[in-house]
Amino acid sequence: MALSIRDILILDYFDGKPVHHKIPPYKLKIYGQDANDRIGLLYENGWIRYSRPQETVSMLPDKALSDFLKRYGLSGEGSHAELTGRVISQIPAEDLRPHQGRQGGNRASHGLRPERP
């Protein structure tokens, strides 16, 4: 599948957003009425993929990482790199799953939800 300029613009808009994200209606005039269908095709053709837990963890703010670590009884202190490293090294990957929180407007909140309290 060759990429059109429109597909490149859609990928640029989509960068850093979760796979389930949809282009909001007010932007469809820019990207085309079938933009959300195009996202599905781009995913099917390998241009978009689900992120690995390590990538998701590194995008979280320090407060979310700290809170998550504390739920596992681990220290929530340190730099972003230290917190990220601690989550990745001390919490099993299967316990790290994307969490779609309350949706408001066109934005979804993201974070991690521990498997156990």
Protein backbone atom coordinates (compact mmCIF):
# COMPACT_ATOMS: atom_id res chain seq x y z
CA MET A 1 0.00 0.00 0.00
CA ALA A 2 1.48 3.30 -1.09
CA LEU A 3 0.78 6.25 1.15
CA SER A 4 -1.05 9.26 -0.18
CA ILE A 5 -0.34 12.72 1.16
CA ARG A 6 -3.64 12.51 3.02
CA ASP A 7 -2.58 9.22 4.66
CA ILE A 8 0.69 10.84 5.73
CA LEU A 9 -1.27 13.73 7.27
CA ILE A 10 -3.54 11.25 9.07
CA LEU A 11 -0.50 9.38 10.41
CA ASP A 12 1.00 12.67 11.55
CA TYR A 13 -2.23 13.59 13.39
CA PHE A 14 -2.43 10.08 14.85
CA ASP A 15 1.16 10.04 16.16
CA GLY A 16 1.20 9.42 19.91
CA LYS A 17 -2.52 8.71 20.12
CA PRO A 18 -3.99 5.33 21.11
CA VAL A 19 -5.16 2.93 18.40
CA HIS A 20 -8.81 3.34 19.43
CA HIS A 21 -8.61 7.13 18.93
CA LYS A 22 -10.94 8.63 16.33
CA ILE A 23 -10.48 11.85 14.44
CA PRO A 24 -13.02 14.34 15.82
CA PRO A 25 -15.83 15.47 13.53
CA TYR A 26 -14.56 19.05 13.26
CA LYS A 27 -11.28 17.75 11.78
CA LEU A 28 -12.91 15.50 9.17
CA LYS A 29 -13.09 18.46 6.79
CA ILE A 30 -9.28 18.51 6.83
CA TYR A 31 -8.62 14.76 6.72
CA GLY A 32 -11.67 13.60 4.76
CA GLN A 33 -14.96 12.02 5.80
CA ASP A 34 -13.42 8.54 5.55
CA ALA A 35 -10.40 9.41 7.74
CA ASN A 36 -11.39 7.05 10.56
CA ASP A 37 -11.81 4.22 8.03
CA ARG A 38 -8.37 5.09 6.65
CA ILE A 39 -6.92 4.68 10.17
CA GLY A 40 -8.23 1.11 10.18
CA LEU A 41 -6.64 0.42 6.80
CA LEU A 42 -3.35 1.96 7.89
CA TYR A 43 -3.42 -0.31 10.94
CA GLU A 44 -4.20 -3.40 8.85
CA ASN A 45 -1.30 -2.58 6.52
CA GLY A 46 1.19 -2.17 9.36
CA TRP A 47 1.55 1.63 9.36
CA ILE A 48 0.03 1.81 12.87
CA ARG A 49 0.53 -0.68 15.68
CA TYR A 50 -0.40 -1.10 19.30
CA SER A 51 2.30 0.24 21.59
CA ARG A 52 4.31 -2.06 23.80
CA PRO A 53 3.84 -1.63 27.56
CA GLN A 54 7.31 -0.07 27.83
CA GLU A 55 6.34 2.65 25.34
CA THR A 56 3.10 3.36 27.16
CA VAL A 57 4.89 3.59 30.50
CA SER A 58 7.44 6.08 29.20
CA MET A 59 4.66 8.44 28.05
CA LEU A 60 3.03 8.67 31.49
CA PRO A 61 3.67 11.66 33.75
CA ASP A 62 5.75 11.19 36.89
CA LYS A 63 2.72 11.45 39.20
CA ALA A 64 0.96 8.56 37.43
CA LEU A 65 4.13 6.43 37.53
CA SER A 66 4.66 7.22 41.21
CA ASP A 67 1.06 6.37 42.12
CA PHE A 68 1.24 3.14 40.11
CA LEU A 69 4.47 2.06 41.80
CA LYS A 70 3.05 2.81 45.26
CA ARG A 71 0.08 0.54 44.54
CA TYR A 72 2.61 -2.26 44.16
CA GLY A 73 4.40 -1.31 47.37
CA LEU A 74 7.39 0.13 45.50
CA SER A 75 9.06 3.50 45.92
CA GLY A 76 7.47 6.32 43.95
CA GLU A 77 10.51 8.58 44.32
CA GLY A 78 13.04 9.45 41.63
CA SER A 79 13.44 10.93 38.19
CA HIS A 80 11.19 10.05 35.27
CA ALA A 81 13.83 7.63 33.95
CA GLU A 82 14.12 5.94 37.36
CA LEU A 83 10.35 5.62 37.77
CA THR A 84 9.95 4.26 34.25
CA GLY A 85 12.82 1.82 34.76
CA ARG A 86 11.35 0.62 38.05
CA VAL A 87 7.94 -0.02 36.48
CA ILE A 88 9.45 -1.87 33.52
CA SER A 89 11.91 -3.93 35.56
CA GLN A 90 9.83 -4.74 38.65
CA ILE A 91 6.28 -5.13 37.39
CA PRO A 92 5.45 -8.02 35.05
CA ALA A 93 4.56 -6.93 31.51
CA GLU A 94 1.23 -8.75 31.70
CA ASP A 95 0.28 -6.47 34.62
CA LEU A 96 0.90 -3.43 32.45
CA ARG A 97 -2.10 -2.95 30.27
CA PRO A 98 -3.42 0.22 28.73
CA HIS A 99 -6.29 1.68 30.68
CA GLN A 100 -8.86 3.86 29.01
CA GLY A 101 -10.36 6.00 31.68
CA ARG A 102 -13.31 8.34 31.70
CA GLN A 103 -13.83 9.98 28.35
CA GLY A 104 -14.66 13.63 28.17
CA GLY A 105 -15.13 15.42 24.90
CA ASN A 106 -12.75 14.09 22.28
CA ARG A 107 -9.97 13.18 24.68
CA ALA A 108 -9.53 9.92 26.52
CA SER A 109 -7.45 9.73 29.65
CA HIS A 110 -4.74 7.09 29.62
CA GLY A 111 -2.84 5.31 32.27
CA LEU A 112 -2.10 1.95 33.76
CA ARG A 113 -4.27 -0.15 35.93
CA PRO A 114 -2.66 -2.76 38.14
CA GLU A 115 -3.97 -6.30 37.96
CA ARG A 116 -3.86 -6.54 41.73
CA PRO A 117 -4.46 -3.86 44.40
